[in-house]
Protein backbone atom coordinates (compact mmCIF):
# COMPACT_ATOMS: atom_id res chain seq x y z
CA MET A 1 181.65 152.66 45.08
CA VAL A 2 179.75 149.75 43.46
CA GLU A 3 182.01 147.25 45.22
CA GLU A 4 181.09 149.37 48.62
CA SER A 5 177.75 149.64 48.24
CA SER A 6 177.68 145.40 47.75
CA THR A 7 179.80 145.28 50.89
CA VAL A 8 177.34 146.97 52.94
CA SER A 9 174.62 144.95 51.26
CA THR A 10 176.26 142.21 52.50
CA GLN A 11 177.13 143.41 55.61
CA ASP A 12 172.99 143.89 55.99
CA ASN A 13 172.35 140.44 54.80
CA LYS A 14 174.27 139.20 57.54
CA LYS A 15 173.11 141.14 60.23
CA LYS A 16 169.37 140.29 59.46
CA LYS A 17 169.85 136.71 59.01
CA GLN A 18 172.02 137.15 62.18
CA THR A 19 168.30 138.81 63.61
CA ASP A 20 166.24 135.60 61.52
CA ASP A 21 168.36 132.72 63.17
CA ASN A 22 168.12 134.38 66.92
CA ASN A 23 163.72 134.64 66.22
CA PRO A 24 162.38 132.07 67.16
CA ARG A 25 159.07 132.75 65.92
CA LEU A 26 160.41 132.34 62.22
CA THR A 27 161.00 129.08 63.03
CA GLY A 28 159.88 125.54 64.38
CA LEU A 29 156.12 124.52 65.66
CA ALA A 30 155.69 128.76 66.79
CA LEU A 31 156.64 129.50 62.59
CA GLN A 32 153.88 127.13 61.97
CA LEU A 33 151.41 128.35 64.65
CA ASP A 34 151.92 131.77 63.92
CA GLU A 35 151.45 130.73 59.83
CA GLY A 36 148.74 128.10 59.99
CA THR A 37 146.58 130.04 62.42
CA ARG A 38 146.72 133.24 60.23
CA LYS A 39 145.90 131.79 57.07
CA SER A 40 143.54 129.35 58.23
CA HIS A 41 141.22 132.55 59.58
CA SER A 42 138.81 134.32 56.98
CA VAL A 43 138.02 137.96 56.68
CA ALA A 44 134.75 136.57 58.19
CA GLN A 45 136.35 135.39 61.10
CA ASN A 46 138.49 138.08 61.88
CA SER A 47 135.38 140.70 61.35
CA ALA A 48 133.06 138.65 63.79
CA PHE A 49 136.12 138.81 66.76
CA VAL A 50 136.80 141.91 66.72
CA THR A 51 132.92 143.02 66.56
CA GLY A 52 132.56 140.60 68.93
CA PHE A 53 135.17 142.30 71.31
CA PHE A 54 133.61 145.80 71.05
CA LYS A 55 130.43 144.07 71.76
CA GLY A 56 131.88 143.58 74.71
CA LEU A 57 132.64 146.87 75.50
CA SER A 58 129.16 148.11 74.46
CA THR A 59 128.11 148.37 77.97
CA LYS A 60 128.92 147.01 81.62
CA GLU A 61 127.04 144.63 81.61
CA SER A 62 128.23 142.92 78.28
CA TYR A 63 131.41 143.18 79.80
CA ARG A 64 130.40 141.81 83.04
CA ASN A 65 129.28 138.95 80.74
CA LEU A 66 132.40 138.30 79.07
CA ILE A 67 134.45 138.61 81.83
CA THR A 68 132.56 135.67 83.63
CA SER A 69 132.57 133.60 80.30
CA LEU A 70 137.07 133.90 80.70
CA TYR A 71 136.61 133.27 84.38
CA PHE A 72 134.62 129.34 83.90
CA VAL A 73 137.16 129.02 80.86
CA TYR A 74 140.07 129.48 82.98
CA GLN A 75 138.98 127.99 86.05
CA VAL A 76 138.78 124.94 83.78
CA MET A 77 141.93 125.20 81.97
CA GLU A 78 144.03 126.48 84.97
CA LYS A 79 142.51 123.75 87.65
CA ASP A 80 141.12 120.96 86.02
CA ALA A 81 143.86 120.28 83.60
CA PHE A 82 147.15 122.49 83.81
CA ASP A 83 147.61 121.47 87.08
CA ARG A 84 146.25 118.21 86.79
CA THR A 85 148.31 117.34 84.03
CA HIS A 86 151.12 114.14 83.94
CA CYS A 87 151.75 116.48 80.63
CA PRO A 88 155.38 117.10 79.89
CA TYR A 89 154.29 119.38 76.71
CA VAL A 90 151.71 121.41 78.92
CA ARG A 91 153.88 121.60 82.08
CA ALA A 92 157.19 123.01 79.69
CA MET A 93 154.88 126.00 78.48
CA ASP A 94 152.88 126.15 82.05
CA ASP A 95 154.40 129.51 83.50
CA PRO A 96 152.92 130.98 86.90
CA LYS A 97 153.36 134.78 85.55
CA LEU A 98 150.73 133.55 82.50
CA ARG A 99 147.75 132.79 85.04
CA ARG A 100 144.81 134.31 84.63
CA LEU A 101 142.25 132.88 87.00
CA THR A 102 143.00 135.01 90.48
CA ALA A 103 143.16 138.50 88.29
CA LEU A 104 139.54 137.64 86.93
CA GLU A 105 138.85 136.60 90.75
CA GLN A 106 139.83 139.59 91.39
CA ASP A 107 137.82 141.47 88.77
CA MET A 108 134.84 139.38 89.52
CA ASP A 109 134.38 141.04 92.65
CA TYR A 110 134.88 144.30 91.34
CA PHE A 111 131.51 143.45 89.08
CA TYR A 112 129.57 141.23 91.53
CA GLY A 113 130.87 141.73 95.01
CA SER A 114 133.34 140.01 97.20
CA ASP A 115 130.99 137.54 97.99
CA TRP A 116 129.63 136.77 94.28
CA LYS A 117 131.01 132.75 95.17
CA LYS A 118 128.44 132.06 98.06
CA VAL A 119 125.08 134.15 97.69
CA GLN A 120 124.36 134.27 93.50
CA ILE A 121 124.61 131.73 91.28
CA ILE A 122 126.45 132.17 88.53
CA ARG A 123 126.45 129.86 85.40
CA PRO A 124 128.18 129.53 82.09
CA SER A 125 126.89 130.73 79.10
CA PRO A 126 125.86 127.78 76.63
CA ALA A 127 129.28 128.88 74.47
CA THR A 128 131.14 128.92 77.44
CA GLN A 129 129.92 125.28 77.99
CA ALA A 130 131.66 124.54 74.10
CA TYR A 131 134.52 126.10 75.04
CA ILE A 132 135.09 123.99 79.04
CA ALA A 133 134.02 120.94 77.72
CA ARG A 134 136.42 120.33 74.56
CA VAL A 135 139.42 121.89 76.99
CA GLN A 136 137.99 118.78 79.43
CA GLN A 137 138.24 116.33 76.48
CA VAL A 138 141.41 117.14 75.57
CA ALA A 139 143.00 117.26 79.37
CA GLN A 140 141.30 113.34 79.56
CA THR A 141 142.13 112.56 75.50
CA GLU A 142 145.40 114.33 74.33
CA PRO A 143 146.79 116.39 76.60
CA TYR A 144 149.67 117.44 74.64
CA LEU A 145 146.65 119.71 72.25
CA LEU A 146 146.26 121.88 75.69
CA VAL A 147 148.97 123.37 74.05
CA ALA A 148 147.33 125.22 71.43
CA HIS A 149 144.83 126.48 73.88
CA GLN A 150 147.92 127.86 76.27
CA TYR A 151 149.04 129.66 72.53
CA THR A 152 145.72 131.01 72.01
CA ARG A 153 145.09 132.20 74.98
CA TYR A 154 148.06 133.06 76.91
CA LEU A 155 150.04 134.97 73.61
CA GLY A 156 146.68 136.61 73.45
CA ASP A 157 145.56 138.08 76.09
CA LEU A 158 149.70 138.95 76.48
CA PHE A 159 149.71 140.81 73.47
CA GLY A 160 146.64 142.67 73.31
CA GLY A 161 145.94 142.85 77.33
CA GLN A 162 146.84 146.37 77.35
CA MET A 163 145.45 147.97 75.09
CA MET A 164 142.25 146.24 75.47
CA GLY A 165 142.16 146.45 79.57
CA GLY A 166 142.81 150.21 78.23
CA MET A 167 140.14 150.08 75.97
CA ALA A 168 137.24 148.57 78.59
CA GLN A 169 138.45 151.51 81.17
CA ARG A 170 137.57 154.44 78.64
CA SER A 171 134.95 152.55 76.76
CA LEU A 172 132.98 151.93 80.09
CA ASN A 173 134.66 154.24 82.63
CA LEU A 174 135.91 151.84 84.50
CA GLU A 175 137.14 153.14 87.98
CA PRO A 176 140.93 153.29 87.53
CA GLY A 177 142.51 149.96 87.85
CA LYS A 178 138.97 148.23 88.60
CA GLY A 179 137.34 145.80 86.78
CA VAL A 180 141.04 145.25 84.12
CA ALA A 181 142.88 142.95 86.29
CA PHE A 182 142.69 140.01 83.64
CA TYR A 183 144.31 142.30 81.04
CA GLN A 184 147.03 143.41 83.32
CA PHE A 185 150.80 141.20 84.31
CA PRO A 186 152.86 142.48 87.07
CA ASP A 187 155.10 140.04 86.87
CA ILE A 188 155.90 140.58 83.75
CA SER A 189 158.32 143.43 82.86
CA ASN A 190 159.25 143.08 79.09
CA THR A 191 156.56 141.88 77.20
CA ASN A 192 158.95 140.70 73.92
CA GLU A 193 161.51 139.39 76.03
CA PHE A 194 158.96 136.93 77.62
CA ILE A 195 157.54 136.09 74.79
CA THR A 196 160.92 135.72 72.86
CA GLN A 197 161.45 132.39 75.69
CA TRP A 198 158.20 131.34 75.52
CA TYR A 199 158.37 130.92 71.85
CA THR A 200 161.80 129.43 72.41
CA ARG A 201 160.72 126.48 74.82
CA LEU A 202 158.14 126.02 72.17
CA ASN A 203 160.33 125.01 69.28
CA ALA A 204 162.08 122.85 71.81
CA LEU A 205 159.08 120.68 72.34
CA GLU A 206 160.07 117.26 71.00
CA LEU A 207 156.55 116.51 69.17
CA THR A 208 156.00 114.41 65.89
CA ASP A 209 155.17 116.22 62.64
CA GLU A 210 151.53 115.02 62.98
CA GLN A 211 151.15 116.47 66.42
CA LYS A 212 152.34 119.77 65.55
CA GLN A 213 149.68 119.90 63.02
CA ALA A 214 147.14 118.51 65.34
CA ILE A 215 148.43 121.79 67.53
CA VAL A 216 147.82 123.59 64.68
CA ASP A 217 144.12 122.52 64.08
CA GLU A 218 142.86 122.70 67.78
CA ALA A 219 144.07 126.44 68.18
CA ASN A 220 142.52 127.04 64.89
CA LEU A 221 139.72 125.44 66.92
CA VAL A 222 140.27 127.47 69.99
CA PHE A 223 139.95 130.28 68.08
CA ASP A 224 136.28 129.48 66.64
CA LEU A 225 135.27 129.18 70.12
CA ASN A 226 136.17 132.27 71.11
CA ILE A 227 134.39 133.81 68.40
CA GLY A 228 131.47 131.95 70.00
CA ILE A 229 131.64 133.09 73.64
CA LEU A 230 131.91 137.21 72.04
CA GLN A 231 129.10 136.73 69.76
CA GLU A 232 126.92 135.33 72.41
CA LEU A 233 127.30 138.94 74.09
CA ASP A 234 124.21 142.02 73.93
CA GLY A 235 125.08 145.80 72.86
CA SER A 236 126.90 147.32 70.28
CA PRO A 237 129.98 147.51 68.70
CA PHE A 238 129.72 150.57 67.23
CA SER A 239 128.33 152.07 70.14
CA ALA A 240 131.32 151.14 72.59
CA ILE A 241 133.99 152.40 69.36
CA TRP A 242 132.02 156.10 69.86
CA THR A 243 132.15 156.26 73.85
CA MET A 244 135.97 155.33 73.13
CA THR A 245 136.55 158.12 70.78
CA VAL A 246 134.32 160.27 72.76
CA ASN A 247 135.96 160.13 76.18
CA SER A 248 139.15 160.15 74.25
CA ILE A 249 138.56 163.24 73.16
CA LYS A 250 137.25 164.34 76.51
CA ALA A 251 140.76 163.24 78.19
CA ARG A 252 143.01 165.52 75.75
CA LEU A 253 140.75 168.66 76.20
CA GLY A 254 141.24 168.21 80.28
CA PHE A 255 137.30 167.30 80.60
């Protein structure tokens, strides 16, 4: 019995090792980014991020302001940085399935009307301007650092998109399918498979150790820049949580 148990244990360990070997998140730059960004964030920073997000769900105006800030950020990221860069690392990680600008324009149409680009003067907030300035700076001086922006924003959007879009829908009573295009990725049918492939490409980038660490540092900065945008939002996070709870109960009761 002991010998049989030992054999089973050995087989299980081999299977686990094979699974680990096939998981790109457990090696290379993917692991370095996941661990480097996780460990460097204090409880206070994570709390600020979550609180800020729920503030964005407290009123339609606050959520609209969040979408507006993201529109300006992605406009600069995708049009001014990613589309114009000659950096092979950024080009390798770019994927049209992840691009968010078109989706954000749809959400802007919903909140401002289809002619918002022509008749309304909409400007980025101070925190959004700081975010944009950083993207422009690294695009001009150290474009490989844009990989950190791709990692932090796109994977964050993809990981939490379905949940966050649903929360916004329930909290703000938005029209079905309206105002949440940013959080939807219709061209990605299997999120886990897509992310695995993305991490595999990430690990294949031929970067020096110094460049890899610089990308991790930049990813942490991007996290802080996002917190800055969220902290600008007006509204109460507790109000958003309460509204979502009430609406969920009503939905279950058929009201």
